[in-house]
Amino acid sequence: MQTDSGLSHIILDFDGTCTQIPPIFEAYLDLYRKGLNDSGLNVTISEWQDAQAVVRQHSPKAGWTVAGCPSAPAAGDPYVLADEAVRLILRRRGATTPVPIPPTVHAQAYDEALAPWREEAFDTFSRLVDHGVQLHFVSNTGTKFIKRRLRDLFGDGNPLTAKISVQSGAGKFRICELSWGDQIAVSTEATRRFQALPVAYGEKPLAETERPIYLRRGAYFEAINRVLAGDFDALTNTVFCGDIWEMDLAMPYELGAKVHLLDRAAPFETYCYERQALVAYGDRGKTSADLSGLLDWL
């Protein structure tokens, strides 16, 4: 089904895109440090604050390196900032090999400092579904968690939740090729589309970043393939909505989709280079301060 404008799908990021970061970021960062200390790393308050300040100073030239390759601005949100800050601390301490951070550090802080939905989420999602738009979440965050948050938003038993699909395990931060082996993740045609992607955005790095913006994110592509059931022709009638341009939107645009950038609020404001990219996209790119801007695509 399509709207009068031809729109069929909206594919949403979750954290920051649909949630409010300002009310919880300080609590999250405090809880993250507590988790580090509980795991035996013993990070002082001053050490933690200084590391955050240094990461902020170098972002967005410095990228998030959780998977070994810069994939997003290092201070794009508190979750990225915390991960890069502890990596900096470990380097300063002379760690010569990667020190694994227990995943429970983020998970516990994330659950205890739960980011509320954006205030306009309920009304916006309801109106989009009423217009026949299929909504999908494609996120690094787990499926069960997002489905629980949707029940919190709409209430138990609301039929709207059955009309919104959730695809976790997106691995948007992973700069990698497609999976290979006995079980082929995508079709030959989808593989051709992925392999046609340039390795990075533009002929030279953007002035504000001075680093490549990598496009070939194989795990993210495979998640998109699952959502669209392999129908990549549907991308021309699809809008991707996210709050971090290079991680959420840059590859989908190159694949032929429309994209919508949600503003990040202080102290994690959207960078100039992200806005410049959307301007260059012309009528295939929009930005807005909140989710209700998605209604402009109808």
Protein backbone atom coordinates (compact mmCIF):
# COMPACT_ATOMS: atom_id res chain seq x y z
CA MET A 1 0.00 0.00 0.00
CA GLN A 2 1.16 3.54 -0.79
CA THR A 3 0.05 6.98 0.36
CA ASP A 4 -0.94 9.60 -2.21
CA SER A 5 2.69 10.75 -2.19
CA GLY A 6 3.86 7.21 -3.04
CA LEU A 7 5.30 6.55 0.43
CA SER A 8 5.09 2.89 1.54
CA HIS A 9 7.61 2.42 4.35
CA ILE A 10 9.29 4.45 7.08
CA ILE A 11 12.28 2.75 8.67
CA LEU A 12 13.16 4.24 12.05
CA ASP A 13 16.20 4.22 14.25
CA PHE A 14 15.33 4.01 17.96
CA ASP A 15 17.76 5.58 20.44
CA GLY A 16 17.81 9.36 20.14
CA THR A 17 15.59 9.27 17.08
CA CYS A 18 12.46 8.28 18.96
CA THR A 19 13.62 8.91 22.52
CA GLN A 20 14.61 11.98 24.54
CA ILE A 21 18.28 12.01 25.51
CA PRO A 22 18.55 15.28 27.54
CA PRO A 23 16.56 14.03 30.57
CA ILE A 24 18.71 10.94 31.09
CA PHE A 25 22.22 11.45 29.73
CA GLU A 26 23.80 12.59 33.02
CA ALA A 27 22.31 9.68 34.95
CA TYR A 28 23.38 7.25 32.21
CA LEU A 29 26.98 8.48 32.25
CA ASP A 30 27.12 8.30 36.07
CA LEU A 31 25.70 4.78 36.04
CA TYR A 32 28.12 3.74 33.30
CA ARG A 33 31.08 4.85 35.45
CA LYS A 34 29.60 2.93 38.40
CA GLY A 35 29.39 -0.15 36.18
CA LEU A 36 33.03 0.27 35.16
CA ASN A 37 34.02 0.42 38.82
CA ASP A 38 31.90 -2.63 39.65
CA SER A 39 33.78 -4.47 36.89
CA GLY A 40 37.12 -3.57 38.48
CA LEU A 41 38.32 -0.66 36.31
CA ASN A 42 38.15 1.93 39.13
CA VAL A 43 37.54 5.15 37.18
CA THR A 44 37.49 8.33 39.28
CA ILE A 45 34.95 11.09 38.68
CA SER A 46 37.65 13.51 37.51
CA GLU A 47 39.17 10.90 35.19
CA TRP A 48 35.73 10.16 33.74
CA GLN A 49 34.81 13.81 33.21
CA ASP A 50 38.18 14.63 31.66
CA ALA A 51 37.94 11.72 29.22
CA GLN A 52 34.48 12.83 28.13
CA ALA A 53 35.73 16.38 27.57
CA VAL A 54 38.60 15.15 25.40
CA VAL A 55 36.30 12.97 23.29
CA ARG A 56 33.95 15.92 22.79
CA GLN A 57 36.88 18.11 21.80
CA HIS A 58 37.96 15.69 19.07
CA SER A 59 34.50 14.71 17.78
CA PRO A 60 33.43 14.52 14.95
CA LYS A 61 36.96 14.22 13.56
CA ALA A 62 37.28 11.30 15.94
CA GLY A 63 34.83 8.50 15.19
CA TRP A 64 33.20 5.75 17.23
CA THR A 65 35.51 2.74 16.94
CA VAL A 66 33.52 0.04 18.74
CA ALA A 67 33.99 -2.31 15.77
CA GLY A 68 37.50 -1.13 14.96
CA CYS A 69 36.65 1.40 12.25
CA PRO A 70 35.19 4.91 12.77
CA SER A 71 31.46 4.65 12.11
CA ALA A 72 29.84 7.70 13.76
CA PRO A 73 30.88 10.90 15.56
CA ALA A 74 32.64 9.96 18.80
CA ALA A 75 30.35 12.23 20.84
CA GLY A 76 27.15 11.67 18.86
CA ASP A 77 25.16 10.58 21.92
CA PRO A 78 25.90 9.52 25.53
CA TYR A 79 26.10 5.84 24.61
CA VAL A 80 28.79 6.43 22.01
CA LEU A 81 30.53 9.01 24.21
CA ALA A 82 30.77 6.61 27.15
CA ASP A 83 32.27 3.87 25.01
CA GLU A 84 34.88 6.17 23.48
CA ALA A 85 35.68 7.77 26.85
CA VAL A 86 36.53 4.45 28.49
CA ARG A 87 38.62 3.47 25.46
CA LEU A 88 40.58 6.70 25.89
CA ILE A 89 41.08 6.01 29.58
CA LEU A 90 42.44 2.54 28.84
CA ARG A 91 44.84 3.93 26.22
CA ARG A 92 46.08 6.51 28.70
CA ARG A 93 46.68 3.72 31.19
CA GLY A 94 48.90 2.02 28.66
CA ALA A 95 46.70 -0.87 27.62
CA THR A 96 48.57 -2.50 24.73
CA THR A 97 45.76 -4.91 23.80
CA PRO A 98 42.02 -4.26 23.67
CA VAL A 99 40.41 -4.58 27.11
CA PRO A 100 36.87 -5.95 26.79
CA ILE A 101 34.24 -3.83 28.52
CA PRO A 102 31.56 -6.12 29.97
CA PRO A 103 28.33 -5.59 27.99
CA THR A 104 26.47 -5.41 31.29
CA VAL A 105 28.05 -1.99 31.95
CA HIS A 106 26.06 -0.37 29.15
CA ALA A 107 23.00 -2.61 29.54
CA GLN A 108 22.49 -1.85 33.22
CA ALA A 109 23.06 1.89 32.82
CA TYR A 110 20.78 1.95 29.78
CA ASP A 111 17.96 0.16 31.62
CA GLU A 112 18.23 2.27 34.78
CA ALA A 113 18.42 5.59 32.90
CA LEU A 114 15.55 4.82 30.57
CA ALA A 115 15.13 7.48 27.89
CA PRO A 116 11.47 8.54 27.53
CA TRP A 117 9.73 8.51 24.17
CA ARG A 118 9.66 11.80 22.29
CA GLU A 119 6.42 13.49 23.27
CA GLU A 120 5.07 13.49 19.70
CA ALA A 121 5.83 9.79 19.05
CA PHE A 122 2.35 8.42 19.81
CA ASP A 123 0.49 10.92 17.65
CA THR A 124 3.00 10.77 14.79
CA PHE A 125 3.12 6.97 14.60
CA SER A 126 -0.68 6.73 14.84
CA ARG A 127 -1.20 9.20 12.00
CA LEU A 128 1.37 7.53 9.77
CA VAL A 129 -0.18 4.08 10.24
CA ASP A 130 -3.65 5.57 9.62
CA HIS A 131 -2.34 6.82 6.27
CA GLY A 132 -1.24 3.30 5.33
CA VAL A 133 2.50 3.72 5.97
CA GLN A 134 4.29 0.60 7.18
CA LEU A 135 6.54 1.46 10.12
CA HIS A 136 9.67 -0.53 10.93
CA PHE A 137 12.37 -0.15 13.55
CA VAL A 138 15.84 -1.15 12.41
CA SER A 139 18.16 -0.68 15.36
CA ASN A 140 21.21 -1.92 17.21
CA THR A 141 18.90 -2.15 20.24
CA GLY A 142 17.24 -5.53 20.89
CA THR A 143 13.85 -6.51 19.44
CA LYS A 144 12.33 -7.52 22.78
CA PHE A 145 13.31 -4.22 24.35
CA ILE A 146 11.83 -2.08 21.56
CA LYS A 147 8.63 -4.14 21.50
CA ARG A 148 8.29 -3.62 25.24
CA ARG A 149 8.79 0.11 24.78
CA LEU A 150 6.11 0.12 22.05
CA ARG A 151 3.69 -1.55 24.47
CA ASP A 152 4.55 1.15 27.00
CA LEU A 153 3.79 3.80 24.38
CA PHE A 154 0.54 2.40 22.96
CA GLY A 155 -0.70 0.27 25.85
CA ASP A 156 -1.24 -3.49 25.99
CA GLY A 157 -3.44 -4.90 23.27
CA ASN A 158 -3.37 -1.84 21.02
CA PRO A 159 -3.65 -3.16 17.44
CA LEU A 160 -1.23 -0.48 16.25
CA THR A 161 1.71 -2.35 17.76
CA ALA A 162 1.03 -5.30 15.43
CA LYS A 163 1.44 -2.94 12.47
CA ILE A 164 4.96 -1.89 13.47
CA SER A 165 7.79 -4.34 12.81
CA VAL A 166 11.06 -4.45 14.72
CA GLN A 167 14.40 -5.65 13.36
CA SER A 168 17.27 -5.68 15.85
CA GLY A 169 20.87 -6.72 15.31
CA ALA A 170 21.36 -4.02 12.69
CA GLY A 171 25.04 -3.57 13.52
CA LYS A 172 25.03 -0.12 11.92
CA PHE A 173 28.41 0.61 13.50
CA ARG A 174 30.08 -2.27 11.64
CA ILE A 175 31.97 -1.23 8.52
CA CYS A 176 32.06 -4.58 6.76
CA GLU A 177 31.15 -6.55 3.67
CA LEU A 178 28.18 -8.92 3.45
CA SER A 179 28.21 -12.24 5.26
CA TRP A 180 29.43 -15.19 3.22
CA GLY A 181 29.48 -18.96 3.50
CA ASP A 182 26.99 -21.77 3.13
CA GLN A 183 24.00 -19.67 4.19
CA ILE A 184 23.81 -16.68 1.86
CA ALA A 185 22.17 -13.77 3.69
CA VAL A 186 20.92 -11.86 0.64
CA SER A 187 20.01 -12.57 -2.99
CA THR A 188 22.33 -12.20 -5.94
CA GLU A 189 20.52 -9.00 -6.96
CA ALA A 190 20.80 -7.56 -3.44
CA THR A 191 24.48 -8.47 -3.39
CA ARG A 192 24.95 -6.59 -6.66
CA ARG A 193 23.30 -3.50 -5.16
CA PHE A 194 25.56 -3.63 -2.13
CA GLN A 195 28.71 -4.13 -4.17
CA ALA A 196 27.77 -1.12 -6.32
CA LEU A 197 27.96 1.12 -3.25
CA PRO A 198 31.01 3.37 -3.06
CA VAL A 199 33.29 2.56 -0.15
CA ALA A 200 32.93 6.05 1.29
CA TYR A 201 30.88 9.21 0.86
CA GLY A 202 32.21 11.82 -1.56
CA GLU A 203 35.53 12.16 -3.30
CA LYS A 204 37.26 13.60 -0.24
CA PRO A 205 36.56 13.80 3.50
CA LEU A 206 34.12 16.47 4.69
CA ALA A 207 35.81 19.52 6.20
CA GLU A 208 34.36 19.05 9.69
CA THR A 209 35.35 15.40 9.96
CA GLU A 210 38.58 15.09 7.93
CA ARG A 211 37.97 11.33 7.85
CA PRO A 212 36.12 9.05 5.45
CA ILE A 213 32.40 8.50 5.98
CA TYR A 214 32.19 4.79 5.25
CA LEU A 215 29.08 3.54 3.46
CA ARG A 216 29.46 -0.22 3.14
CA ARG A 217 27.83 -1.48 6.32
CA GLY A 218 27.06 -5.10 5.55
CA ALA A 219 25.16 -5.98 8.74
CA TYR A 220 22.90 -2.93 8.36
CA PHE A 221 22.26 -3.82 4.71
CA GLU A 222 21.28 -7.36 5.71
CA ALA A 223 18.86 -5.97 8.32
CA ILE A 224 17.27 -3.75 5.65
CA ASN A 225 17.02 -6.80 3.40
CA ARG A 226 15.10 -8.65 6.11
CA VAL A 227 12.68 -5.76 6.65
CA LEU A 228 11.92 -5.36 2.95
CA ALA A 229 11.88 -9.13 2.31
CA GLY A 230 14.54 -8.62 -0.35
CA ASP A 231 12.48 -6.08 -2.34
CA PHE A 232 15.07 -3.34 -2.78
CA ASP A 233 12.93 -1.71 -5.47
CA ALA A 234 10.75 -0.61 -2.54
CA LEU A 235 13.53 1.73 -1.39
CA THR A 236 12.31 4.42 -3.77
CA ASN A 237 9.07 4.54 -1.72
CA THR A 238 10.85 4.34 1.64
CA VAL A 239 12.00 7.01 4.11
CA PHE A 240 14.75 6.22 6.61
CA CYS A 241 14.63 8.31 9.78
CA GLY A 242 17.58 8.64 12.15
CA ASP A 243 19.47 11.11 14.32
CA ILE A 244 23.06 10.25 13.28
CA TRP A 245 23.48 10.87 9.56
CA GLU A 246 26.49 8.71 8.76
CA MET A 247 25.32 5.70 10.75
CA ASP A 248 21.58 5.78 10.02
CA LEU A 249 21.09 7.55 6.69
CA ALA A 250 24.16 7.79 4.45
CA MET A 251 24.03 4.22 3.11
CA PRO A 252 20.23 4.10 2.65
CA TYR A 253 20.37 7.30 0.59
CA GLU A 254 23.05 5.81 -1.68
CA LEU A 255 20.82 2.76 -2.12
CA GLY A 256 18.01 4.97 -3.44
CA ALA A 257 15.89 5.73 -0.37
CA LYS A 258 14.69 9.06 0.97
CA VAL A 259 16.10 10.11 4.34
CA HIS A 260 14.99 12.23 7.29
CA LEU A 261 17.43 13.56 9.91
CA LEU A 262 16.07 14.19 13.43
CA ASP A 263 17.78 16.98 15.34
CA ARG A 264 19.88 15.98 18.32
CA ALA A 265 19.39 18.22 21.33
CA ALA A 266 22.10 19.79 23.52
CA PRO A 267 24.62 18.75 24.63
CA PHE A 268 24.80 16.34 21.66
CA GLU A 269 23.78 18.79 18.95
CA THR A 270 23.67 17.75 15.30
CA TYR A 271 26.94 18.65 13.55
CA CYS A 272 27.15 21.05 10.61
CA TYR A 273 28.44 18.35 8.24
CA GLU A 274 25.34 16.26 8.87
CA ARG A 275 23.04 19.15 7.94
CA GLN A 276 25.15 19.94 4.87
CA ALA A 277 24.77 16.36 3.66
CA LEU A 278 20.98 16.59 3.91
CA VAL A 279 20.93 19.89 2.00
CA ALA A 280 22.92 18.23 -0.79
CA TYR A 281 20.25 15.49 -1.00
CA GLY A 282 17.67 17.94 -2.32
CA ASP A 283 14.08 16.71 -2.24
CA ARG A 284 15.19 13.24 -1.11
CA GLY A 285 16.30 14.58 2.27
CA LYS A 286 14.51 16.44 5.07
CA THR A 287 15.33 17.47 8.62
CA SER A 288 13.12 18.36 11.56
CA ALA A 289 13.25 19.12 15.26
CA ASP A 290 10.85 16.31 16.12
CA LEU A 291 9.15 13.23 14.72
CA SER A 292 6.10 15.14 13.49
CA GLY A 293 8.27 16.32 10.60
CA LEU A 294 7.80 12.85 9.13
CA LEU A 295 4.23 13.83 8.29
CA ASP A 296 5.62 16.17 5.65
CA TRP A 297 6.38 13.09 3.50
CA LEU A 298 2.68 12.20 3.23
